[in-house]
């Protein structure tokens, strides 16, 4: 019965989490296809497919169900968009990104740390989109910084969802994954912009875009990251305080009498001590 609502929710989540943000301001160059099948939109296929796959896998919770669902939805969406069958590479890219996202999303239902790491890439992708059209650096810094702080605080909060403060030891790992996700987003966009060039140039552009993404993050946005950590601490504390206390472990001897707990070697405790008898006094001879 659960899949009667989980499968439709996963289908909707695949599109909303992966591609709805691209349609808020309209696709570039007047594109109207459901999933644009151009090499210039390689970043949308990779990042959108991964983000949608994470949402679908998290809603379904089982990889053997989430994998086929996202593959069917991605292939059907590609076919309904009217893309050319000759663009198999882009279709395979969309299918692989969706399947990998569904894998991490399904694992996230069992481990909140895995869920937090899987969500770093979608959060990093969405954090830089709304401020992409701003020309004034002051507003760009404030809006992007606010989105980065909210995204990192939410991810750190989700990291401690199941195990509480014990998962706080993974906060440096999750924060590092968040930074790497920004570098991955810049690398994918650089590769998408260099489409059509020789493979060596595309690889050089992608590598350069990956490593150059760390400098502005660590130089300009580190106060927002510190704010995110300070915000995640009370969020996690309030969440754990609101949870009811854990029930005590059951007593294995609760339904047994006390005599059943004692071993057979202690039966002498319940026996009465025999009355002491004094020996008769010996009479002297003669």
Protein backbone atom coordinates (compact mmCIF):
# COMPACT_ATOMS: atom_id res chain seq x y z
CA UNK A 1 0.00 0.00 0.00
CA UNK A 2 2.91 2.35 0.65
CA UNK A 3 3.99 2.36 -2.97
CA UNK A 4 0.54 3.52 -4.11
CA UNK A 5 1.52 7.01 -2.99
CA UNK A 6 5.34 6.66 -2.94
CA UNK A 7 5.74 5.95 -6.67
CA UNK A 8 3.68 8.98 -7.85
CA UNK A 9 5.43 11.12 -5.25
CA UNK A 10 8.82 9.90 -6.51
CA UNK A 11 7.88 10.75 -10.10
CA UNK A 12 6.85 14.26 -9.08
CA UNK A 13 9.88 14.62 -6.83
CA UNK A 14 12.22 13.65 -9.68
CA UNK A 15 11.02 16.58 -11.76
CA UNK A 16 10.50 19.13 -8.96
CA UNK A 17 13.84 18.52 -7.24
CA UNK A 18 15.80 18.14 -10.45
CA UNK A 19 14.32 20.43 -13.07
CA UNK A 20 11.63 22.72 -11.62
CA UNK A 21 14.17 25.38 -10.62
CA UNK A 22 15.31 25.68 -14.23
CA UNK A 23 11.79 26.54 -15.36
CA UNK A 24 11.21 29.35 -12.88
CA UNK A 25 12.98 31.87 -15.10
CA UNK A 26 12.66 29.91 -18.34
CA UNK A 27 15.30 27.94 -20.15
CA UNK A 28 17.91 29.87 -22.14
CA UNK A 29 17.65 30.43 -25.88
CA UNK A 30 13.87 30.09 -25.80
CA UNK A 31 13.98 26.33 -25.25
CA UNK A 32 10.63 24.79 -24.42
CA UNK A 33 11.46 21.09 -24.28
CA UNK A 34 10.75 19.25 -21.08
CA UNK A 35 14.35 18.05 -20.75
CA UNK A 36 16.65 20.01 -23.08
CA UNK A 37 18.78 17.64 -25.10
CA UNK A 38 21.54 20.01 -26.14
CA UNK A 39 25.18 19.68 -25.23
CA UNK A 40 25.09 23.20 -23.76
CA UNK A 41 22.72 21.91 -21.08
CA UNK A 42 24.93 19.08 -19.93
CA UNK A 43 25.03 20.62 -16.46
CA UNK A 44 21.24 20.47 -16.23
CA UNK A 45 21.14 16.82 -17.26
CA UNK A 46 23.86 15.74 -14.80
CA UNK A 47 22.95 17.88 -11.79
CA UNK A 48 19.20 17.83 -12.35
CA UNK A 49 19.13 14.07 -12.90
CA UNK A 50 21.18 13.48 -9.76
CA UNK A 51 19.06 15.81 -7.60
CA UNK A 52 15.84 14.27 -8.88
CA UNK A 53 17.19 10.77 -8.33
CA UNK A 54 18.09 11.58 -4.72
CA UNK A 55 14.55 12.84 -4.08
CA UNK A 56 12.95 9.80 -5.73
CA UNK A 57 15.20 7.32 -3.93
CA UNK A 58 14.57 9.01 -0.59
CA UNK A 59 10.80 8.83 -1.08
CA UNK A 60 10.79 5.19 -2.19
CA UNK A 61 13.41 3.97 0.25
CA UNK A 62 14.32 0.78 -1.67
CA UNK A 63 16.89 0.72 -4.42
CA UNK A 64 15.27 -2.16 -6.31
CA UNK A 65 12.15 -0.01 -6.64
CA UNK A 66 13.76 3.42 -6.99
CA UNK A 67 16.22 2.38 -9.71
CA UNK A 68 13.68 1.13 -12.28
CA UNK A 69 11.27 3.98 -11.47
CA UNK A 70 13.78 6.76 -12.14
CA UNK A 71 15.10 5.04 -15.26
CA UNK A 72 11.59 4.69 -16.70
CA UNK A 73 10.69 8.27 -15.78
CA UNK A 74 13.93 9.70 -17.22
CA UNK A 75 13.65 7.71 -20.46
CA UNK A 76 9.96 8.54 -20.83
CA UNK A 77 10.59 12.21 -20.22
CA UNK A 78 13.35 12.21 -22.82
CA UNK A 79 11.04 10.55 -25.35
CA UNK A 80 8.16 12.92 -24.63
CA UNK A 81 10.46 15.89 -25.08
CA UNK A 82 10.95 15.00 -28.74
CA UNK A 83 14.74 14.82 -28.51
CA UNK A 84 16.62 13.21 -31.35
CA UNK A 85 17.40 9.49 -30.93
CA UNK A 86 20.90 10.21 -32.22
CA UNK A 87 21.77 11.99 -28.96
CA UNK A 88 22.26 8.76 -27.07
CA UNK A 89 25.18 10.12 -25.07
CA UNK A 90 23.03 12.78 -23.45
CA UNK A 91 20.28 10.26 -22.72
CA UNK A 92 22.78 7.90 -21.11
CA UNK A 93 24.09 10.83 -19.06
CA UNK A 94 20.61 11.58 -17.78
CA UNK A 95 19.92 7.91 -16.97
CA UNK A 96 23.23 7.39 -15.15
CA UNK A 97 22.88 10.60 -13.12
CA UNK A 98 19.32 9.67 -12.11
CA UNK A 99 20.31 6.11 -11.15
CA UNK A 100 23.29 7.26 -9.06
CA UNK A 101 21.10 9.81 -7.30
CA UNK A 102 18.46 7.14 -6.59
CA UNK A 103 21.17 4.91 -5.10
CA UNK A 104 22.31 7.57 -2.63
CA UNK A 105 18.75 8.60 -1.89
CA UNK A 106 17.77 5.03 -1.00
CA UNK A 107 20.81 4.69 1.25
CA UNK A 108 19.90 7.97 2.91
CA UNK A 109 16.76 6.43 4.41
CA UNK A 110 18.99 4.11 6.46
CA UNK A 111 21.84 6.45 7.33
CA UNK A 112 21.33 10.16 7.86
CA UNK A 113 25.04 10.81 7.22
CA UNK A 114 24.77 9.29 3.74
CA UNK A 115 21.63 11.34 3.12
CA UNK A 116 23.47 14.52 4.12
CA UNK A 117 26.41 13.76 1.82
CA UNK A 118 24.05 12.93 -1.05
CA UNK A 119 22.20 16.24 -0.63
CA UNK A 120 25.35 18.37 -0.73
CA UNK A 121 25.44 18.40 -4.54
CA UNK A 122 21.79 19.47 -5.06
CA UNK A 123 22.09 22.13 -2.34
CA UNK A 124 25.31 23.45 -3.88
CA UNK A 125 23.68 23.59 -7.32
CA UNK A 126 20.60 25.43 -6.07
CA UNK A 127 22.61 27.83 -3.91
CA UNK A 128 24.29 29.55 -6.87
CA UNK A 129 21.31 29.65 -9.26
CA UNK A 130 19.12 32.54 -7.94
CA UNK A 131 22.03 34.99 -7.76
CA UNK A 132 23.47 34.09 -11.16
CA UNK A 133 21.73 37.05 -12.86
CA UNK A 134 22.79 39.68 -10.32
CA UNK A 135 25.46 42.10 -11.47
CA UNK A 136 26.16 43.92 -8.21
CA UNK A 137 28.69 42.00 -6.16
CA UNK A 138 27.28 43.21 -2.82
CA UNK A 139 23.90 41.60 -3.39
CA UNK A 140 25.54 38.60 -5.01
CA UNK A 141 27.64 38.03 -1.90
CA UNK A 142 24.68 38.43 0.46
CA UNK A 143 22.22 36.25 -1.44
CA UNK A 144 24.67 33.50 -2.30
CA UNK A 145 26.10 33.60 1.21
CA UNK A 146 22.66 33.33 2.78
CA UNK A 147 21.77 30.36 0.57
CA UNK A 148 25.11 28.69 1.34
CA UNK A 149 24.58 29.16 5.09
CA UNK A 150 21.01 27.82 4.99
CA UNK A 151 22.04 24.86 2.85
CA UNK A 152 25.01 23.88 5.02
CA UNK A 153 23.02 24.30 8.26
CA UNK A 154 20.23 22.10 6.89
CA UNK A 155 22.67 19.42 5.80
CA UNK A 156 24.44 19.38 9.17
CA UNK A 157 21.06 19.18 10.87
CA UNK A 158 20.05 16.18 8.72
CA UNK A 159 23.37 14.51 9.48
CA UNK A 160 22.34 14.14 13.14
CA UNK A 161 18.77 13.10 12.38
CA UNK A 162 19.06 9.45 13.43
CA UNK A 163 22.02 9.10 15.78
CA UNK A 164 21.99 12.51 17.45
CA UNK A 165 25.23 14.11 18.57
CA UNK A 166 27.20 10.97 17.72
CA UNK A 167 26.91 11.95 14.06
CA UNK A 168 28.39 15.39 14.78
CA UNK A 169 31.82 13.79 14.35
CA UNK A 170 30.96 13.63 10.62
CA UNK A 171 30.33 17.37 10.33
CA UNK A 172 33.86 18.07 8.95
CA UNK A 173 33.34 15.34 6.35
CA UNK A 174 29.92 16.69 5.36
CA UNK A 175 31.25 20.26 5.18
CA UNK A 176 34.13 19.11 2.98
CA UNK A 177 31.67 17.28 0.73
CA UNK A 178 29.65 20.51 0.52
CA UNK A 179 32.71 22.44 -0.65
CA UNK A 180 33.63 19.75 -3.16
CA UNK A 181 30.07 19.87 -4.51
CA UNK A 182 30.50 23.54 -5.43
CA UNK A 183 33.67 22.60 -7.28
CA UNK A 184 31.83 19.80 -9.08
CA UNK A 185 29.08 22.22 -10.13
CA UNK A 186 31.63 24.65 -11.57
CA UNK A 187 33.48 21.82 -13.31
CA UNK A 188 30.31 20.47 -14.93
CA UNK A 189 29.32 23.94 -16.10
CA UNK A 190 32.80 24.50 -17.54
CA UNK A 191 32.59 21.20 -19.40
CA UNK A 192 29.14 22.13 -20.71
CA UNK A 193 30.41 25.50 -21.95
CA UNK A 194 33.38 23.82 -23.69
CA UNK A 195 31.24 21.33 -25.60
CA UNK A 196 32.43 20.75 -29.15
CA UNK A 197 36.12 21.28 -28.41
CA UNK A 198 38.72 18.51 -28.43
CA UNK A 199 38.63 16.11 -25.50
CA UNK A 200 41.93 17.36 -24.08
CA UNK A 201 40.72 20.95 -23.95
CA UNK A 202 37.43 19.91 -22.35
CA UNK A 203 39.32 17.96 -19.68
CA UNK A 204 41.63 20.91 -18.99
CA UNK A 205 38.71 23.33 -18.73
CA UNK A 206 36.84 21.02 -16.35
CA UNK A 207 39.90 20.46 -14.15
CA UNK A 208 40.65 24.17 -14.02
CA UNK A 209 37.04 24.99 -13.15
CA UNK A 210 37.08 22.38 -10.36
CA UNK A 211 40.18 23.64 -8.57
CA UNK A 212 39.47 27.35 -9.06
CA UNK A 213 36.10 27.03 -7.30
CA UNK A 214 37.66 26.59 -3.85
CA UNK A 215 39.40 29.96 -3.66
CA UNK A 216 36.33 32.29 -3.77
CA UNK A 217 34.41 30.00 -1.42
CA UNK A 218 37.12 29.97 1.23
CA UNK A 219 37.97 33.66 0.73
CA UNK A 220 34.54 35.29 0.44
CA UNK A 221 32.01 32.93 1.99
CA UNK A 222 33.78 31.48 5.03
CA UNK A 223 31.80 33.77 7.47
CA UNK A 224 28.56 32.30 6.13
CA UNK A 225 29.89 28.77 6.67
CA UNK A 226 30.82 29.57 10.25
CA UNK A 227 27.33 31.00 10.72
CA UNK A 228 25.88 27.77 9.31
CA UNK A 229 27.76 25.68 11.90
CA UNK A 230 26.65 27.98 14.73
CA UNK A 231 23.07 27.73 13.47
CA UNK A 232 23.17 23.94 13.14
CA UNK A 233 24.17 23.45 16.80
CA UNK A 234 20.95 24.89 18.35
CA UNK A 235 18.85 23.32 15.59
CA UNK A 236 20.19 19.87 16.46
CA UNK A 237 19.93 20.54 20.20
CA UNK A 238 16.28 21.60 19.93
CA UNK A 239 15.47 18.59 17.78
CA UNK A 240 17.05 16.16 20.26
CA UNK A 241 15.43 17.91 23.23
CA UNK A 242 12.00 17.56 21.64
CA UNK A 243 12.38 13.80 21.27
CA UNK A 244 10.92 11.63 24.04
CA UNK A 245 13.45 9.81 26.24
CA UNK A 246 14.45 6.35 25.17
CA UNK A 247 12.51 3.59 26.95
CA UNK A 248 14.47 1.52 29.46
CA UNK A 249 15.58 -1.92 28.32
CA UNK A 250 13.11 -4.68 29.15
CA UNK A 251 13.76 -6.81 32.22
CA UNK A 252 14.18 -10.44 31.11
CA UNK A 253 13.06 -11.69 34.54
CA UNK A 254 10.03 -9.41 34.94
CA UNK A 255 7.51 -12.27 34.50
CA UNK A 256 9.31 -14.73 36.78
CA UNK A 257 9.23 -15.07 40.58
CA UNK A 258 12.30 -14.43 42.60
CA UNK A 259 12.89 -18.15 43.13
CA UNK A 260 13.35 -18.61 39.40
CA UNK A 261 16.29 -16.21 39.45
CA UNK A 262 18.19 -18.10 42.13
CA UNK A 263 20.26 -21.05 41.04
CA UNK A 264 19.86 -24.52 42.50
CA UNK A 265 23.02 -24.06 44.53
CA UNK A 266 21.26 -21.46 46.70
CA UNK A 267 18.31 -23.64 47.76
CA UNK A 268 19.80 -23.97 51.23
CA UNK A 269 18.82 -20.35 51.89
CA UNK A 270 15.12 -21.30 52.18
CA UNK A 271 15.80 -24.28 54.52
CA UNK A 272 15.56 -24.03 58.29
CA UNK A 273 18.69 -24.51 60.28
CA UNK A 274 18.63 -27.70 62.42
CA UNK A 275 18.42 -27.22 66.16
CA UNK A 276 21.79 -27.62 67.85
CA UNK A 277 22.11 -30.71 70.06
CA UNK A 278 24.66 -30.84 72.81
CA UNK A 279 26.50 -34.09 73.50
CA UNK A 280 25.87 -35.77 76.91
CA UNK A 281 28.49 -35.13 79.47
CA UNK A 282 30.87 -38.05 79.89
CA UNK A 283 30.85 -39.56 83.35
CA UNK A 284 34.25 -40.37 84.84
CA UNK A 285 35.01 -44.05 85.46
CA UNK A 286 35.51 -45.41 88.92
